[in-house]
Amino acid sequence: MKECYRDNKWDELGKIAHRIKPSFAYVGLQDLQTTLALIETWPRKKVIKKVVNELLKQVQNDTNNAFEQLRKELTTLK
């Protein structure tokens, strides 16, 4: 997604967001799914890079938090 953002490939960025969105919904990360839906449906002709960049940062932060929580859960199961 970062490469698509960097290279202004908005259609590809939307496709990736669409493709990964169900995985996050499946594990109960509704806020992340909502953020991905915004990226997916962002009007391609009116891209505001600053806004899309903030959405991508949110995706990265939410994903990192989810992985950290999962890591802690798996550690307690050992």
N, C-alpha and C. Protein backbone atom coordinates (compact mmCIF):
# COMPACT_ATOMS: atom_id res chain seq x y z
N MET A 1 0.81 -1.17 0.00
CA MET A 1 0.00 0.00 0.00
C MET A 1 0.87 1.26 0.00
N LYS A 2 1.99 1.20 0.73
CA LYS A 2 2.88 2.36 0.76
C LYS A 2 3.44 2.66 -0.62
N GLU A 3 3.79 1.60 -1.36
CA GLU A 3 4.32 1.80 -2.71
C GLU A 3 3.28 2.43 -3.62
N CYS A 4 2.06 1.97 -3.52
CA CYS A 4 0.99 2.54 -4.34
C CYS A 4 0.78 4.01 -4.01
N TYR A 5 0.83 4.32 -2.72
CA TYR A 5 0.69 5.72 -2.29
C TYR A 5 1.84 6.55 -2.85
N ARG A 6 3.06 6.05 -2.67
CA ARG A 6 4.23 6.77 -3.14
C ARG A 6 4.18 7.02 -4.65
N ASP A 7 3.69 6.01 -5.40
CA ASP A 7 3.68 6.10 -6.86
C ASP A 7 2.37 6.63 -7.43
N ASN A 8 1.48 7.13 -6.55
CA ASN A 8 0.19 7.68 -6.97
C ASN A 8 -0.66 6.68 -7.75
N LYS A 9 -0.60 5.43 -7.36
CA LYS A 9 -1.40 4.38 -8.01
C LYS A 9 -2.68 4.16 -7.19
N TRP A 10 -3.60 5.08 -7.34
CA TRP A 10 -4.79 5.13 -6.49
C TRP A 10 -5.73 3.94 -6.74
N ASP A 11 -5.87 3.53 -7.98
CA ASP A 11 -6.74 2.39 -8.26
C ASP A 11 -6.20 1.12 -7.61
N GLU A 12 -4.90 0.91 -7.73
CA GLU A 12 -4.27 -0.27 -7.13
C GLU A 12 -4.38 -0.21 -5.61
N LEU A 13 -4.19 0.95 -5.03
CA LEU A 13 -4.32 1.12 -3.59
C LEU A 13 -5.73 0.74 -3.13
N GLY A 14 -6.73 1.18 -3.87
CA GLY A 14 -8.11 0.83 -3.55
C GLY A 14 -8.37 -0.66 -3.66
N LYS A 15 -7.76 -1.29 -4.65
CA LYS A 15 -7.93 -2.74 -4.82
C LYS A 15 -7.31 -3.52 -3.67
N ILE A 16 -6.15 -3.07 -3.22
CA ILE A 16 -5.51 -3.75 -2.09
C ILE A 16 -6.35 -3.59 -0.84
N ALA A 17 -6.83 -2.39 -0.59
CA ALA A 17 -7.68 -2.15 0.58
C ALA A 17 -8.91 -3.04 0.53
N HIS A 18 -9.50 -3.15 -0.64
CA HIS A 18 -10.68 -4.01 -0.82
C HIS A 18 -10.34 -5.47 -0.53
N ARG A 19 -9.19 -5.91 -1.00
CA ARG A 19 -8.80 -7.31 -0.87
C ARG A 19 -8.51 -7.70 0.58
N ILE A 20 -7.92 -6.81 1.37
CA ILE A 20 -7.55 -7.17 2.74
C ILE A 20 -8.63 -6.82 3.77
N LYS A 21 -9.58 -6.00 3.40
CA LYS A 21 -10.62 -5.56 4.33
C LYS A 21 -11.36 -6.70 5.01
N PRO A 22 -11.80 -7.74 4.30
CA PRO A 22 -12.54 -8.82 4.96
C PRO A 22 -11.73 -9.56 6.03
N SER A 23 -10.44 -9.66 5.85
CA SER A 23 -9.60 -10.35 6.85
C SER A 23 -9.66 -9.65 8.19
N PHE A 24 -9.65 -8.36 8.19
CA PHE A 24 -9.70 -7.61 9.44
C PHE A 24 -11.10 -7.66 10.05
N ALA A 25 -12.12 -7.67 9.22
CA ALA A 25 -13.48 -7.80 9.73
C ALA A 25 -13.66 -9.17 10.38
N TYR A 26 -13.06 -10.16 9.80
CA TYR A 26 -13.18 -11.53 10.29
C TYR A 26 -12.65 -11.66 11.72
N VAL A 27 -11.60 -10.93 12.04
CA VAL A 27 -11.03 -11.01 13.39
C VAL A 27 -11.54 -9.91 14.31
N GLY A 28 -12.56 -9.21 13.88
CA GLY A 28 -13.24 -8.25 14.74
C GLY A 28 -12.64 -6.86 14.80
N LEU A 29 -11.81 -6.51 13.86
CA LEU A 29 -11.20 -5.17 13.83
C LEU A 29 -12.04 -4.25 12.94
N GLN A 30 -13.21 -3.88 13.45
CA GLN A 30 -14.16 -3.10 12.66
C GLN A 30 -13.63 -1.71 12.32
N ASP A 31 -12.91 -1.07 13.25
CA ASP A 31 -12.37 0.27 12.96
C ASP A 31 -11.39 0.22 11.80
N LEU A 32 -10.58 -0.80 11.79
CA LEU A 32 -9.62 -0.96 10.71
C LEU A 32 -10.34 -1.25 9.39
N GLN A 33 -11.38 -2.03 9.46
CA GLN A 33 -12.18 -2.31 8.26
C GLN A 33 -12.79 -1.01 7.73
N THR A 34 -13.25 -0.16 8.62
CA THR A 34 -13.83 1.13 8.21
C THR A 34 -12.78 2.01 7.54
N THR A 35 -11.58 2.05 8.11
CA THR A 35 -10.50 2.85 7.52
C THR A 35 -10.15 2.33 6.13
N LEU A 36 -10.07 1.01 5.99
CA LEU A 36 -9.78 0.43 4.68
C LEU A 36 -10.89 0.72 3.68
N ALA A 37 -12.13 0.74 4.14
CA ALA A 37 -13.25 1.07 3.25
C ALA A 37 -13.12 2.51 2.75
N LEU A 38 -12.66 3.41 3.59
CA LEU A 38 -12.45 4.80 3.16
C LEU A 38 -11.37 4.86 2.08
N ILE A 39 -10.29 4.12 2.30
CA ILE A 39 -9.21 4.10 1.30
C ILE A 39 -9.73 3.48 0.00
N GLU A 40 -10.48 2.42 0.13
CA GLU A 40 -11.00 1.70 -1.03
C GLU A 40 -11.90 2.58 -1.90
N THR A 41 -12.71 3.39 -1.27
CA THR A 41 -13.72 4.15 -2.01
C THR A 41 -13.35 5.61 -2.24
N TRP A 42 -12.13 5.99 -1.87
CA TRP A 42 -11.72 7.38 -2.04
C TRP A 42 -11.85 7.77 -3.52
N PRO A 43 -12.49 8.91 -3.78
CA PRO A 43 -12.63 9.34 -5.19
C PRO A 43 -11.27 9.52 -5.86
N ARG A 44 -11.04 8.75 -6.89
CA ARG A 44 -9.72 8.71 -7.53
C ARG A 44 -9.33 10.04 -8.17
N LYS A 45 -10.30 10.81 -8.59
CA LYS A 45 -9.99 12.08 -9.25
C LYS A 45 -9.76 13.21 -8.25
N LYS A 46 -10.10 12.98 -6.98
CA LYS A 46 -9.98 14.03 -5.98
C LYS A 46 -9.12 13.58 -4.80
N VAL A 47 -8.06 12.88 -5.12
CA VAL A 47 -7.19 12.36 -4.06
C VAL A 47 -6.49 13.53 -3.35
N ILE A 48 -6.59 13.51 -2.04
CA ILE A 48 -5.87 14.47 -1.21
C ILE A 48 -4.81 13.64 -0.48
N LYS A 49 -3.59 13.75 -0.96
CA LYS A 49 -2.53 12.86 -0.48
C LYS A 49 -2.37 12.90 1.03
N LYS A 50 -2.53 14.08 1.62
CA LYS A 50 -2.36 14.20 3.07
C LYS A 50 -3.39 13.35 3.81
N VAL A 51 -4.63 13.36 3.34
CA VAL A 51 -5.69 12.58 3.98
C VAL A 51 -5.43 11.09 3.80
N VAL A 52 -5.08 10.67 2.60
CA VAL A 52 -4.80 9.27 2.34
C VAL A 52 -3.60 8.81 3.17
N ASN A 53 -2.60 9.66 3.29
CA ASN A 53 -1.44 9.33 4.11
C ASN A 53 -1.84 9.10 5.56
N GLU A 54 -2.71 9.93 6.09
CA GLU A 54 -3.17 9.75 7.47
C GLU A 54 -3.97 8.45 7.62
N LEU A 55 -4.77 8.11 6.63
CA LEU A 55 -5.51 6.84 6.67
C LEU A 55 -4.55 5.66 6.65
N LEU A 56 -3.52 5.74 5.83
CA LEU A 56 -2.53 4.66 5.78
C LEU A 56 -1.77 4.53 7.11
N LYS A 57 -1.47 5.66 7.73
CA LYS A 57 -0.83 5.62 9.05
C LYS A 57 -1.75 4.93 10.06
N GLN A 58 -3.03 5.23 9.98
CA GLN A 58 -3.99 4.60 10.89
C GLN A 58 -4.03 3.09 10.68
N VAL A 59 -4.02 2.67 9.42
CA VAL A 59 -3.99 1.24 9.12
C VAL A 59 -2.74 0.60 9.73
N GLN A 60 -1.60 1.23 9.55
CA GLN A 60 -0.36 0.69 10.08
C GLN A 60 -0.40 0.63 11.61
N ASN A 61 -0.85 1.69 12.26
CA ASN A 61 -0.92 1.70 13.72
C ASN A 61 -1.89 0.64 14.24
N ASP A 62 -3.07 0.55 13.64
CA ASP A 62 -4.06 -0.44 14.09
C ASP A 62 -3.55 -1.86 13.88
N THR A 63 -2.90 -2.09 12.76
CA THR A 63 -2.35 -3.42 12.47
C THR A 63 -1.25 -3.78 13.47
N ASN A 64 -0.36 -2.83 13.73
CA ASN A 64 0.71 -3.08 14.70
C ASN A 64 0.13 -3.38 16.08
N ASN A 65 -0.88 -2.63 16.49
CA ASN A 65 -1.52 -2.87 17.79
C ASN A 65 -2.16 -4.26 17.85
N ALA A 66 -2.84 -4.64 16.78
CA ALA A 66 -3.49 -5.95 16.74
C ALA A 66 -2.47 -7.07 16.82
N PHE A 67 -1.36 -6.94 16.10
CA PHE A 67 -0.32 -7.96 16.15
C PHE A 67 0.31 -8.04 17.54
N GLU A 68 0.49 -6.91 18.18
CA GLU A 68 1.06 -6.90 19.52
C GLU A 68 0.12 -7.59 20.51
N GLN A 69 -1.16 -7.32 20.41
CA GLN A 69 -2.14 -7.98 21.27
C GLN A 69 -2.15 -9.49 21.03
N LEU A 70 -2.09 -9.88 19.77
CA LEU A 70 -2.04 -11.31 19.44
C LEU A 70 -0.78 -11.95 20.00
N ARG A 71 0.34 -11.27 19.87
CA ARG A 71 1.61 -11.79 20.39
C ARG A 71 1.50 -12.01 21.91
N LYS A 72 0.92 -11.06 22.63
CA LYS A 72 0.74 -11.20 24.08
C LYS A 72 -0.16 -12.38 24.42
N GLU A 73 -1.24 -12.53 23.67
CA GLU A 73 -2.15 -13.66 23.91
C GLU A 73 -1.45 -14.99 23.68
N LEU A 74 -0.68 -15.07 22.63
CA LEU A 74 0.02 -16.32 22.33
C LEU A 74 1.09 -16.63 23.38
N THR A 75 1.70 -15.60 23.93
CA THR A 75 2.71 -15.77 24.96
C THR A 75 2.08 -16.35 26.23
N THR A 76 0.89 -15.89 26.56
CA THR A 76 0.23 -16.38 27.78
C THR A 76 -0.26 -17.81 27.62
N LEU A 77 -0.43 -18.26 26.40
CA LEU A 77 -0.88 -19.63 26.16
C LEU A 77 0.23 -20.66 26.26
N LYS A 78 1.46 -20.21 26.25
CA LYS A 78 2.60 -21.14 26.27
C LYS A 78 2.74 -21.83 27.58
